[in-house]
Full PDB file with SEQRES, HELIX, SHEET, SSBOND, CRYST1, ORIGX, SCALE, CONECT and MASTER records, all heavy atoms in Angstrom:
SEQRES   1 A   39  ASP ALA ILE THR VAL SER ARG ILE VAL LYS ARG ASN LYS          
SEQRES   2 A   39  ARG PHE ASP GLU ILE GLY GLU LEU SER ASN HIS ALA ARG          
SEQRES   3 A   39  VAL ALA ILE VAL GLY ASP GLY PRO TYR ARG GLU GLU LEU          
HELIX    1 AA1 ASP A   16  LEU A   21  1                                   6    
SHEET    1 AA1 2 ALA A   2  VAL A   5  0                                        
SHEET    2 AA1 2 VAL A  27  VAL A  30  1                                        
CRYST1    1.000    1.000    1.000  90.00  90.00  90.00 P 1           1          
ORIGX1      1.000000  0.000000  0.000000        0.00000                         
ORIGX2      0.000000  1.000000  0.000000        0.00000                         
ORIGX3      0.000000  0.000000  1.000000        0.00000                         
SCALE1      1.000000  0.000000  0.000000        0.00000                         
SCALE2      0.000000  1.000000  0.000000        0.00000                         
SCALE3      0.000000  0.000000  1.000000        0.00000                         
ATOM      1  N   ASP A   1     100.031  89.776 109.917  1.00  0.00           N  
ATOM      2  CA  ASP A   1     100.164  90.791 108.876  1.00  0.00           C  
ATOM      3  C   ASP A   1     101.212  91.810 109.252  1.00  0.00           C  
ATOM      4  O   ASP A   1     101.943  92.305 108.403  1.00  0.00           O  
ATOM      5  CB  ASP A   1      98.841  91.478 108.679  1.00  0.00           C  
ATOM      6  CG  ASP A   1      97.752  90.526 108.166  1.00  0.00           C  
ATOM      7  OD1 ASP A   1      98.033  89.832 107.163  1.00  0.00           O  
ATOM      8  OD2 ASP A   1      96.630  90.482 108.734  1.00  0.00           O  
ATOM      9  N   ALA A   2     101.316  92.125 110.544  1.00  0.00           N  
ATOM     10  CA  ALA A   2     102.283  93.060 111.003  1.00  0.00           C  
ATOM     11  C   ALA A   2     102.730  92.645 112.421  1.00  0.00           C  
ATOM     12  O   ALA A   2     101.960  92.075 113.169  1.00  0.00           O  
ATOM     13  CB  ALA A   2     101.724  94.501 111.009  1.00  0.00           C  
ATOM     14  N   ILE A   3     103.948  93.001 112.721  1.00  0.00           N  
ATOM     15  CA  ILE A   3     104.472  92.730 114.066  1.00  0.00           C  
ATOM     16  C   ILE A   3     105.279  93.939 114.539  1.00  0.00           C  
ATOM     17  O   ILE A   3     105.829  94.673 113.712  1.00  0.00           O  
ATOM     18  CB  ILE A   3     105.371  91.462 114.064  1.00  0.00           C  
ATOM     19  CG1 ILE A   3     105.681  90.968 115.481  1.00  0.00           C  
ATOM     20  CG2 ILE A   3     106.685  91.681 113.268  1.00  0.00           C  
ATOM     21  CD1 ILE A   3     106.328  89.593 115.544  1.00  0.00           C  
ATOM     22  N   THR A   4     105.267  94.159 115.836  1.00  0.00           N  
ATOM     23  CA  THR A   4     106.126  95.201 116.412  1.00  0.00           C  
ATOM     24  C   THR A   4     106.822  94.633 117.626  1.00  0.00           C  
ATOM     25  O   THR A   4     106.267  93.791 118.335  1.00  0.00           O  
ATOM     26  CB  THR A   4     105.333  96.479 116.761  1.00  0.00           C  
ATOM     27  OG1 THR A   4     106.239  97.535 117.066  1.00  0.00           O  
ATOM     28  CG2 THR A   4     104.391  96.217 117.934  1.00  0.00           C  
ATOM     29  N   VAL A   5     108.021  95.088 117.827  1.00  0.00           N  
ATOM     30  CA  VAL A   5     108.844  94.601 118.990  1.00  0.00           C  
ATOM     31  C   VAL A   5     109.301  95.860 119.743  1.00  0.00           C  
ATOM     32  O   VAL A   5     110.030  96.692 119.203  1.00  0.00           O  
ATOM     33  CB  VAL A   5     110.063  93.787 118.538  1.00  0.00           C  
ATOM     34  CG1 VAL A   5     110.865  93.299 119.735  1.00  0.00           C  
ATOM     35  CG2 VAL A   5     109.627  92.643 117.680  1.00  0.00           C  
ATOM     36  N   SER A   6     108.862  95.983 120.994  1.00  0.00           N  
ATOM     37  CA  SER A   6     109.175  97.268 121.682  1.00  0.00           C  
ATOM     38  C   SER A   6     108.907  97.101 123.169  1.00  0.00           C  
ATOM     39  O   SER A   6     108.121  96.282 123.606  1.00  0.00           O  
ATOM     40  CB  SER A   6     108.263  98.391 121.157  1.00  0.00           C  
ATOM     41  OG  SER A   6     108.396  99.520 121.896  1.00  0.00           O  
ATOM     42  N   ARG A   7     109.643  97.913 123.917  1.00  0.00           N  
ATOM     43  CA  ARG A   7     109.271  98.041 125.341  1.00  0.00           C  
ATOM     44  C   ARG A   7     107.985  98.894 125.378  1.00  0.00           C  
ATOM     45  O   ARG A   7     107.866  99.927 124.658  1.00  0.00           O  
ATOM     46  CB  ARG A   7     110.374  98.781 126.080  1.00  0.00           C  
ATOM     47  CG  ARG A   7     110.100  98.961 127.597  1.00  0.00           C  
ATOM     48  CD  ARG A   7     111.355  99.228 128.354  1.00  0.00           C  
ATOM     49  NE  ARG A   7     111.105  99.745 129.680  1.00  0.00           N  
ATOM     50  CZ  ARG A   7     110.617  99.013 130.720  1.00  0.00           C  
ATOM     51  NH1 ARG A   7     110.373  97.741 130.553  1.00  0.00           N  
ATOM     52  NH2 ARG A   7     110.407  99.595 131.882  1.00  0.00           N  
ATOM     53  N   ILE A   8     107.025  98.455 126.152  1.00  0.00           N  
ATOM     54  CA  ILE A   8     105.703  99.085 126.138  1.00  0.00           C  
ATOM     55  C   ILE A   8     105.640 100.162 127.212  1.00  0.00           C  
ATOM     56  O   ILE A   8     105.321  99.890 128.364  1.00  0.00           O  
ATOM     57  CB  ILE A   8     104.613  98.004 126.314  1.00  0.00           C  
ATOM     58  CG1 ILE A   8     104.774  96.963 125.203  1.00  0.00           C  
ATOM     59  CG2 ILE A   8     103.227  98.659 126.230  1.00  0.00           C  
ATOM     60  CD1 ILE A   8     103.794  95.814 125.286  1.00  0.00           C  
ATOM     61  N   VAL A   9     105.981 101.370 126.777  1.00  0.00           N  
ATOM     62  CA  VAL A   9     106.032 102.493 127.676  1.00  0.00           C  
ATOM     63  C   VAL A   9     105.288 103.684 127.014  1.00  0.00           C  
ATOM     64  O   VAL A   9     105.030 103.657 125.815  1.00  0.00           O  
ATOM     65  CB  VAL A   9     107.458 102.947 127.985  1.00  0.00           C  
ATOM     66  CG1 VAL A   9     108.147 101.884 128.825  1.00  0.00           C  
ATOM     67  CG2 VAL A   9     108.246 103.214 126.705  1.00  0.00           C  
ATOM     68  N   LYS A  10     104.965 104.718 127.787  1.00  0.00           N  
ATOM     69  CA  LYS A  10     104.180 105.839 127.253  1.00  0.00           C  
ATOM     70  C   LYS A  10     105.089 106.914 126.615  1.00  0.00           C  
ATOM     71  O   LYS A  10     104.752 107.493 125.613  1.00  0.00           O  
ATOM     72  CB  LYS A  10     103.367 106.463 128.390  1.00  0.00           C  
ATOM     73  CG  LYS A  10     102.018 105.870 128.600  1.00  0.00           C  
ATOM     74  CD  LYS A  10     101.241 106.700 129.599  1.00  0.00           C  
ATOM     75  CE  LYS A  10      99.845 106.170 129.795  1.00  0.00           C  
ATOM     76  NZ  LYS A  10      99.046 107.010 130.743  1.00  0.00           N  
ATOM     77  N   ARG A  11     106.216 107.200 127.241  1.00  0.00           N  
ATOM     78  CA  ARG A  11     106.921 108.431 126.923  1.00  0.00           C  
ATOM     79  C   ARG A  11     107.425 108.522 125.489  1.00  0.00           C  
ATOM     80  O   ARG A  11     107.269 109.503 124.850  1.00  0.00           O  
ATOM     81  CB  ARG A  11     108.116 108.599 127.907  1.00  0.00           C  
ATOM     82  CG  ARG A  11     108.835 109.942 127.780  1.00  0.00           C  
ATOM     83  CD  ARG A  11     109.807 110.127 128.908  1.00  0.00           C  
ATOM     84  NE  ARG A  11     110.420 111.438 128.825  1.00  0.00           N  
ATOM     85  CZ  ARG A  11     111.518 111.721 128.200  1.00  0.00           C  
ATOM     86  NH1 ARG A  11     112.122 110.758 127.508  1.00  0.00           N  
ATOM     87  NH2 ARG A  11     112.050 112.947 128.163  1.00  0.00           N  
ATOM     88  N   ASN A  12     108.095 107.463 125.015  1.00  0.00           N  
ATOM     89  CA  ASN A  12     108.678 107.572 123.655  1.00  0.00           C  
ATOM     90  C   ASN A  12     108.190 106.488 122.732  1.00  0.00           C  
ATOM     91  O   ASN A  12     108.857 106.146 121.744  1.00  0.00           O  
ATOM     92  CB  ASN A  12     110.214 107.597 123.733  1.00  0.00           C  
ATOM     93  CG  ASN A  12     110.748 106.326 124.364  1.00  0.00           C  
ATOM     94  OD1 ASN A  12     109.998 105.475 124.835  1.00  0.00           O  
ATOM     95  ND2 ASN A  12     112.086 106.203 124.377  1.00  0.00           N  
ATOM     96  N   LYS A  13     107.024 105.916 123.048  1.00  0.00           N  
ATOM     97  CA  LYS A  13     106.386 104.934 122.159  1.00  0.00           C  
ATOM     98  C   LYS A  13     104.907 105.254 122.090  1.00  0.00           C  
ATOM     99  O   LYS A  13     104.312 105.747 123.043  1.00  0.00           O  
ATOM    100  CB  LYS A  13     106.571 103.495 122.671  1.00  0.00           C  
ATOM    101  CG  LYS A  13     108.023 102.993 122.699  1.00  0.00           C  
ATOM    102  CD  LYS A  13     108.565 102.746 121.284  1.00  0.00           C  
ATOM    103  CE  LYS A  13     109.919 102.138 121.328  1.00  0.00           C  
ATOM    104  NZ  LYS A  13     110.998 103.033 121.840  1.00  0.00           N  
ATOM    105  N   ARG A  14     104.307 105.003 120.920  1.00  0.00           N  
ATOM    106  CA  ARG A  14     102.868 105.261 120.769  1.00  0.00           C  
ATOM    107  C   ARG A  14     102.257 104.068 120.035  1.00  0.00           C  
ATOM    108  O   ARG A  14     102.677 103.769 118.905  1.00  0.00           O  
ATOM    109  CB  ARG A  14     102.645 106.559 120.017  1.00  0.00           C  
ATOM    110  CG  ARG A  14     101.206 106.787 119.709  1.00  0.00           C  
ATOM    111  CD  ARG A  14     100.955 108.201 119.226  1.00  0.00           C  
ATOM    112  NE  ARG A  14      99.746 108.326 118.491  1.00  0.00           N  
ATOM    113  CZ  ARG A  14      99.133 109.459 118.226  1.00  0.00           C  
ATOM    114  NH1 ARG A  14      99.655 110.574 118.677  1.00  0.00           N  
ATOM    115  NH2 ARG A  14      98.012 109.491 117.526  1.00  0.00           N  
ATOM    116  N   PHE A  15     101.265 103.418 120.667  1.00  0.00           N  
ATOM    117  CA  PHE A  15     100.667 102.229 120.112  1.00  0.00           C  
ATOM    118  C   PHE A  15      99.269 102.406 119.601  1.00  0.00           C  
ATOM    119  O   PHE A  15      98.640 101.414 119.165  1.00  0.00           O  
ATOM    120  CB  PHE A  15     100.679 101.110 121.194  1.00  0.00           C  
ATOM    121  CG  PHE A  15     102.065 100.639 121.591  1.00  0.00           C  
ATOM    122  CD1 PHE A  15     102.779 101.317 122.570  1.00  0.00           C  
ATOM    123  CD2 PHE A  15     102.606  99.508 121.004  1.00  0.00           C  
ATOM    124  CE1 PHE A  15     104.056 100.859 122.928  1.00  0.00           C  
ATOM    125  CE2 PHE A  15     103.842  99.083 121.361  1.00  0.00           C  
ATOM    126  CZ  PHE A  15     104.583  99.750 122.293  1.00  0.00           C  
ATOM    127  N   ASP A  16      98.736 103.640 119.627  1.00  0.00           N  
ATOM    128  CA  ASP A  16      97.347 103.803 119.258  1.00  0.00           C  
ATOM    129  C   ASP A  16      97.080 103.439 117.802  1.00  0.00           C  
ATOM    130  O   ASP A  16      96.081 102.771 117.523  1.00  0.00           O  
ATOM    131  CB  ASP A  16      96.932 105.254 119.513  1.00  0.00           C  
ATOM    132  CG  ASP A  16      96.896 105.585 120.972  1.00  0.00           C  
ATOM    133  OD1 ASP A  16      96.474 104.789 121.786  1.00  0.00           O  
ATOM    134  OD2 ASP A  16      97.339 106.731 121.299  1.00  0.00           O  
ATOM    135  N   GLU A  17      97.932 103.848 116.895  1.00  0.00           N  
ATOM    136  CA  GLU A  17      97.755 103.515 115.482  1.00  0.00           C  
ATOM    137  C   GLU A  17      97.835 101.990 115.238  1.00  0.00           C  
ATOM    138  O   GLU A  17      97.075 101.385 114.477  1.00  0.00           O  
ATOM    139  CB  GLU A  17      98.698 104.226 114.598  1.00  0.00           C  
ATOM    140  CG  GLU A  17      98.507 105.736 114.526  1.00  0.00           C  
ATOM    141  CD  GLU A  17      99.117 106.492 115.707  1.00  0.00           C  
ATOM    142  OE1 GLU A  17      99.847 105.846 116.534  1.00  0.00           O  
ATOM    143  OE2 GLU A  17      98.904 107.711 115.822  1.00  0.00           O  
ATOM    144  N   ILE A  18      98.808 101.373 115.918  1.00  0.00           N  
ATOM    145  CA  ILE A  18      99.000  99.909 115.807  1.00  0.00           C  
ATOM    146  C   ILE A  18      97.805  99.206 116.392  1.00  0.00           C  
ATOM    147  O   ILE A  18      97.334  98.181 115.914  1.00  0.00           O  
ATOM    148  CB  ILE A  18     100.351  99.544 116.397  1.00  0.00           C  
ATOM    149  CG1 ILE A  18     101.504 100.122 115.623  1.00  0.00           C  
ATOM    150  CG2 ILE A  18     100.455  97.981 116.499  1.00  0.00           C  
ATOM    151  CD1 ILE A  18     102.858  99.872 116.247  1.00  0.00           C  
ATOM    152  N   GLY A  19      97.324  99.720 117.533  1.00  0.00           N  
ATOM    153  CA  GLY A  19      96.145  99.110 118.134  1.00  0.00           C  
ATOM    154  C   GLY A  19      94.941  99.185 117.241  1.00  0.00           C  
ATOM    155  O   GLY A  19      94.139  98.252 117.104  1.00  0.00           O  
ATOM    156  N   GLU A  20      94.739 100.366 116.585  1.00  0.00           N  
ATOM    157  CA  GLU A  20      93.642 100.502 115.634  1.00  0.00           C  
ATOM    158  C   GLU A  20      93.783  99.537 114.451  1.00  0.00           C  
ATOM    159  O   GLU A  20      92.807  98.919 114.031  1.00  0.00           O  
ATOM    160  CB  GLU A  20      93.569 101.950 115.091  1.00  0.00           C  
ATOM    161  CG  GLU A  20      92.487 102.201 114.052  1.00  0.00           C  
ATOM    162  CD  GLU A  20      91.110 101.882 114.536  1.00  0.00           C  
ATOM    163  OE1 GLU A  20      90.832 101.932 115.764  1.00  0.00           O  
ATOM    164  OE2 GLU A  20      90.233 101.565 113.664  1.00  0.00           O  
ATOM    165  N   LEU A  21      95.026  99.354 113.987  1.00  0.00           N  
ATOM    166  CA  LEU A  21      95.273  98.414 112.886  1.00  0.00           C  
ATOM    167  C   LEU A  21      94.905  96.984 113.307  1.00  0.00           C  
ATOM    168  O   LEU A  21      94.417  96.209 112.471  1.00  0.00           O  
ATOM    169  CB  LEU A  21      96.716  98.485 112.471  1.00  0.00           C  
ATOM    170  CG  LEU A  21      97.154  97.606 111.287  1.00  0.00           C  
ATOM    171  CD1 LEU A  21      96.354  97.930 110.014  1.00  0.00           C  
ATOM    172  CD2 LEU A  21      98.638  97.712 111.071  1.00  0.00           C  
ATOM    173  N   SER A  22      95.067  96.689 114.594  1.00  0.00           N  
ATOM    174  CA  SER A  22      94.768  95.315 115.068  1.00  0.00           C  
ATOM    175  C   SER A  22      93.276  95.010 114.994  1.00  0.00           C  
ATOM    176  O   SER A  22      92.861  93.839 115.060  1.00  0.00           O  
ATOM    177  CB  SER A  22      95.242  95.148 116.509  1.00  0.00           C  
ATOM    178  OG  SER A  22      94.413  95.880 117.404  1.00  0.00           O  
ATOM    179  N   ASN A  23      92.439  95.982 114.822  1.00  0.00           N  
ATOM    180  CA  ASN A  23      91.010  95.787 114.618  1.00  0.00           C  
ATOM    181  C   ASN A  23      90.656  95.369 113.204  1.00  0.00           C  
ATOM    182  O   ASN A  23      89.502  94.992 112.924  1.00  0.00           O  
ATOM    183  CB  ASN A  23      90.196  97.007 115.025  1.00  0.00           C  
ATOM    184  CG  ASN A  23      90.300  97.355 116.512  1.00  0.00           C  
ATOM    185  OD1 ASN A  23      90.346  96.452 117.346  1.00  0.00           O  
ATOM    186  ND2 ASN A  23      90.339  98.636 116.818  1.00  0.00           N  
ATOM    187  N   HIS A  24      91.661  95.452 112.302  1.00  0.00           N  
ATOM    188  CA  HIS A  24      91.432  95.161 110.902  1.00  0.00           C  
ATOM    189  C   HIS A  24      92.393  94.132 110.315  1.00  0.00           C  
ATOM    190  O   HIS A  24      92.237  93.738 109.188  1.00  0.00           O  
ATOM    191  CB  HIS A  24      91.519  96.469 110.087  1.00  0.00           C  
ATOM    192  CG  HIS A  24      90.610  97.555 110.558  1.00  0.00           C  
ATOM    193  ND1 HIS A  24      89.359  97.759 110.052  1.00  0.00           N  
ATOM    194  CD2 HIS A  24      90.810  98.507 111.502  1.00  0.00           C  
ATOM    195  CE1 HIS A  24      88.821  98.778 110.686  1.00  0.00           C  
ATOM    196  NE2 HIS A  24      89.662  99.257 111.558  1.00  0.00           N  
ATOM    197  N   ALA A  25      93.415  93.737 111.093  1.00  0.00           N  
ATOM    198  CA  ALA A  25      94.433  92.859 110.576  1.00  0.00           C  
ATOM    199  C   ALA A  25      95.028  92.067 111.753  1.00  0.00           C  
ATOM    200  O   ALA A  25      94.808  92.373 112.928  1.00  0.00           O  
ATOM    201  CB  ALA A  25      95.502  93.613 109.821  1.00  0.00           C  
ATOM    202  N   ARG A  26      95.870  91.088 111.408  1.00  0.00           N  
ATOM    203  CA  ARG A  26      96.530  90.253 112.440  1.00  0.00           C  
ATOM    204  C   ARG A  26      97.811  90.993 112.861  1.00  0.00           C  
ATOM    205  O   ARG A  26      98.809  90.898 112.146  1.00  0.00           O  
ATOM    206  CB  ARG A  26      96.845  88.845 111.886  1.00  0.00           C  
ATOM    207  CG  ARG A  26      95.618  88.071 111.415  1.00  0.00           C  
ATOM    208  CD  ARG A  26      96.057  86.834 110.636  1.00  0.00           C  
ATOM    209  NE  ARG A  26      96.837  87.201 109.471  1.00  0.00           N  
ATOM    210  CZ  ARG A  26      97.526  86.317 108.751  1.00  0.00           C  
ATOM    211  NH1 ARG A  26      97.530  85.018 109.014  1.00  0.00           N  
ATOM    212  NH2 ARG A  26      98.241  86.706 107.692  1.00  0.00           N  
ATOM    213  N   VAL A  27      97.749  91.616 113.977  1.00  0.00           N  
ATOM    214  CA  VAL A  27      98.858  92.416 114.476  1.00  0.00           C  
ATOM    215  C   VAL A  27      99.425  91.804 115.775  1.00  0.00           C  
ATOM    216  O   VAL A  27      98.682  91.662 116.753  1.00  0.00           O  
ATOM    217  CB  VAL A  27      98.457  93.864 114.720  1.00  0.00           C  
ATOM    218  CG1 VAL A  27      99.629  94.684 115.224  1.00  0.00           C  
ATOM    219  CG2 VAL A  27      97.951  94.471 113.361  1.00  0.00           C  
ATOM    220  N   ALA A  28     100.692  91.504 115.757  1.00  0.00           N  
ATOM    221  CA  ALA A  28     101.340  90.928 116.962  1.00  0.00           C  
ATOM    222  C   ALA A  28     102.210  91.993 117.607  1.00  0.00           C  
ATOM    223  O   ALA A  28     102.941  92.744 116.970  1.00  0.00           O  
ATOM    224  CB  ALA A  28     102.209  89.716 116.587  1.00  0.00           C  
ATOM    225  N   ILE A  29     102.148  92.043 118.940  1.00  0.00           N  
ATOM    226  CA  ILE A  29     102.934  93.009 119.736  1.00  0.00           C  
ATOM    227  C   ILE A  29     103.832  92.203 120.696  1.00  0.00           C  
ATOM    228  O   ILE A  29     103.329  91.483 121.554  1.00  0.00           O  
ATOM    229  CB  ILE A  29     102.038  93.974 120.502  1.00  0.00           C  
ATOM    230  CG1 ILE A  29     101.156  94.806 119.511  1.00  0.00           C  
ATOM    231  CG2 ILE A  29     102.844  94.906 121.374  1.00  0.00           C  
ATOM    232  CD1 ILE A  29     100.171  95.723 120.184  1.00  0.00           C  
ATOM    233  N   VAL A  30     105.137  92.360 120.478  1.00  0.00           N  
ATOM    234  CA  VAL A  30     106.120  91.670 121.323  1.00  0.00           C  
ATOM    235  C   VAL A  30     106.733  92.660 122.268  1.00  0.00           C  
ATOM    236  O   VAL A  30     107.148  93.756 121.883  1.00  0.00           O  
ATOM    237  CB  VAL A  30     107.247  91.049 120.423  1.00  0.00           C  
ATOM    238  CG1 VAL A  30     108.279  90.396 121.308  1.00  0.00           C  
ATOM    239  CG2 VAL A  30     106.676  90.088 119.439  1.00  0.00           C  
ATOM    240  N   GLY A  31     106.750  92.355 123.546  1.00  0.00           N  
ATOM    241  CA  GLY A  31     107.371  93.223 124.544  1.00  0.00           C  
ATOM    242  C   GLY A  31     106.527  93.330 125.789  1.00  0.00           C  
ATOM    243  O   GLY A  31     105.396  92.864 125.850  1.00  0.00           O  
ATOM    244  N   ASP A  32     107.129  93.980 126.772  1.00  0.00           N  
ATOM    245  CA  ASP A  32     106.420  94.172 128.044  1.00  0.00           C  
ATOM    246  C   ASP A  32     106.823  95.549 128.578  1.00  0.00           C  
ATOM    247  O   ASP A  32     107.675  96.220 128.078  1.00  0.00           O  
ATOM    248  CB  ASP A  32     106.848  93.079 129.019  1.00  0.00           C  
ATOM    249  CG  ASP A  32     105.826  92.854 130.125  1.00  0.00           C  
ATOM    250  OD1 ASP A  32     104.812  93.591 130.141  1.00  0.00           O  
ATOM    251  OD2 ASP A  32     106.040  91.954 130.926  1.00  0.00           O  
ATOM    252  N   GLY A  33     106.100  95.980 129.604  1.00  0.00           N  
ATOM    253  CA  GLY A  33     106.362  97.265 130.220  1.00  0.00           C  
ATOM    254  C   GLY A  33     105.173  97.745 131.013  1.00  0.00           C  
ATOM    255  O   GLY A  33     104.101  97.099 131.026  1.00  0.00           O  
ATOM    256  N   PRO A  34     105.338  98.832 131.712  1.00  0.00           N  
ATOM    257  CA  PRO A  34     104.293  99.327 132.615  1.00  0.00           C  
ATOM    258  C   PRO A  34     102.979  99.745 131.944  1.00  0.00           C  
ATOM    259  O   PRO A  34     101.951  99.817 132.614  1.00  0.00           O  
ATOM    260  CB  PRO A  34     104.935 100.551 133.275  1.00  0.00           C  
ATOM    261  CG  PRO A  34     106.037 100.958 132.346  1.00  0.00           C  
ATOM    262  CD  PRO A  34     106.517  99.707 131.707  1.00  0.00           C  
ATOM    263  N   TYR A  35     103.012  99.915 130.605  1.00  0.00           N  
ATOM    264  CA  TYR A  35     101.801 100.376 129.877  1.00  0.00           C  
ATOM    265  C   TYR A  35     101.066  99.220 129.258  1.00  0.00           C  
ATOM    266  O   TYR A  35     100.005  99.441 128.687  1.00  0.00           O  
ATOM    267  CB  TYR A  35     102.295 101.374 128.850  1.00  0.00           C  
ATOM    268  CG  TYR A  35     101.244 102.270 128.212  1.00  0.00           C  
ATOM    269  CD1 TYR A  35     100.122 102.727 128.929  1.00  0.00           C  
ATOM    270  CD2 TYR A  35     101.359 102.665 126.886  1.00  0.00           C  
ATOM    271  CE1 TYR A  35      99.219 103.555 128.359  1.00  0.00           C  
ATOM    272  CE2 TYR A  35     100.397 103.501 126.275  1.00  0.00           C  
ATOM    273  CZ  TYR A  35      99.332 103.920 127.041  1.00  0.00           C  
ATOM    274  OH  TYR A  35      98.423 104.738 126.481  1.00  0.00           O  
ATOM    275  N   ARG A  36     101.585  98.023 129.363  1.00  0.00           N  
ATOM    276  CA  ARG A  36     100.994  96.877 128.652  1.00  0.00           C  
ATOM    277  C   ARG A  36      99.577  96.576 129.080  1.00  0.00           C  
ATOM    278  O   ARG A  36      98.700  96.370 128.250  1.00  0.00           O  
ATOM    279  CB  ARG A  36     101.922  95.658 128.801  1.00  0.00           C  
ATOM    280  CG  ARG A  36     101.293  94.455 128.083  1.00  0.00           C  
ATOM    281  CD  ARG A  36     102.127  93.209 128.327  1.00  0.00           C  
ATOM    282  NE  ARG A  36     101.364  92.027 127.841  1.00  0.00           N  
ATOM    283  CZ  ARG A  36     101.802  90.766 127.995  1.00  0.00           C  
ATOM    284  NH1 ARG A  36     102.939  90.532 128.590  1.00  0.00           N  
ATOM    285  NH2 ARG A  36     101.087  89.769 127.543  1.00  0.00           N  
ATOM    286  N   GLU A  37      99.346  96.488 130.349  1.00  0.00           N  
ATOM    287  CA  GLU A  37      98.044  96.073 130.887  1.00  0.00           C  
ATOM    288  C   GLU A  37      96.948  97.021 130.381  1.00  0.00           C  
ATOM    289  O   GLU A  37      95.886  96.565 129.894  1.00  0.00           O  
ATOM    290  CB  GLU A  37      98.041  96.024 132.376  1.00  0.00           C  
ATOM    291  CG  GLU A  37      96.764  95.436 132.980  1.00  0.00           C  
ATOM    292  CD  GLU A  37      96.824  95.289 134.499  1.00  0.00           C  
ATOM    293  OE1 GLU A  37      97.960  95.330 135.039  1.00  0.00           O  
ATOM    294  OE2 GLU A  37      95.749  95.175 135.079  1.00  0.00           O  
ATOM    295  N   GLU A  38      97.199  98.306 130.429  1.00  0.00           N  
ATOM    296  CA  GLU A  38      96.223  99.300 129.932  1.00  0.00           C  
ATOM    297  C   GLU A  38      95.970  99.154 128.417  1.00  0.00           C  
ATOM    298  O   GLU A  38      94.797  99.147 127.974  1.00  0.00           O  
ATOM    299  CB  GLU A  38      96.713 100.701 130.233  1.00  0.00           C  
ATOM    300  CG  GLU A  38      95.762 101.793 129.790  1.00  0.00           C  
ATOM    301  CD  GLU A  38      96.293 103.174 130.069  1.00  0.00           C  
ATOM    302  OE1 GLU A  38      97.120 103.316 131.024  1.00  0.00           O  
ATOM    303  OE2 GLU A  38      95.882 104.134 129.380  1.00  0.00           O  
ATOM    304  N   LEU A  39      97.000  98.998 127.674  1.00  0.00           N  
ATOM    305  CA  LEU A  39      96.887  98.843 126.215  1.00  0.00           C  
ATOM    306  C   LEU A  39      96.177  97.532 125.855  1.00  0.00           C  
ATOM    307  O   LEU A  39      95.425  97.474 124.900  1.00  0.00           O  
ATOM    308  CB  LEU A  39      98.230  98.899 125.538  1.00  0.00           C  
ATOM    309  CG  LEU A  39      98.874 100.276 125.374  1.00  0.00           C  
ATOM    310  CD1 LEU A  39     100.278 100.168 124.801  1.00  0.00           C  
ATOM    311  CD2 LEU A  39      98.018 101.184 124.491  1.00  0.00           C  
TER     312      LEU A  39                                                      
MASTER        0    0    0    1    2    0    0    6  311    1    0    3          
END                                                                             
């Protein structure tokens, strides 16, 4: 339903809204980074 492509970092990216959307739709996240494991 939605996709995002990004380096997964804290400082200038925010994934909370996209993460919440993933509980209601098919959301794909492309990318890697130091914040990925926690997210």
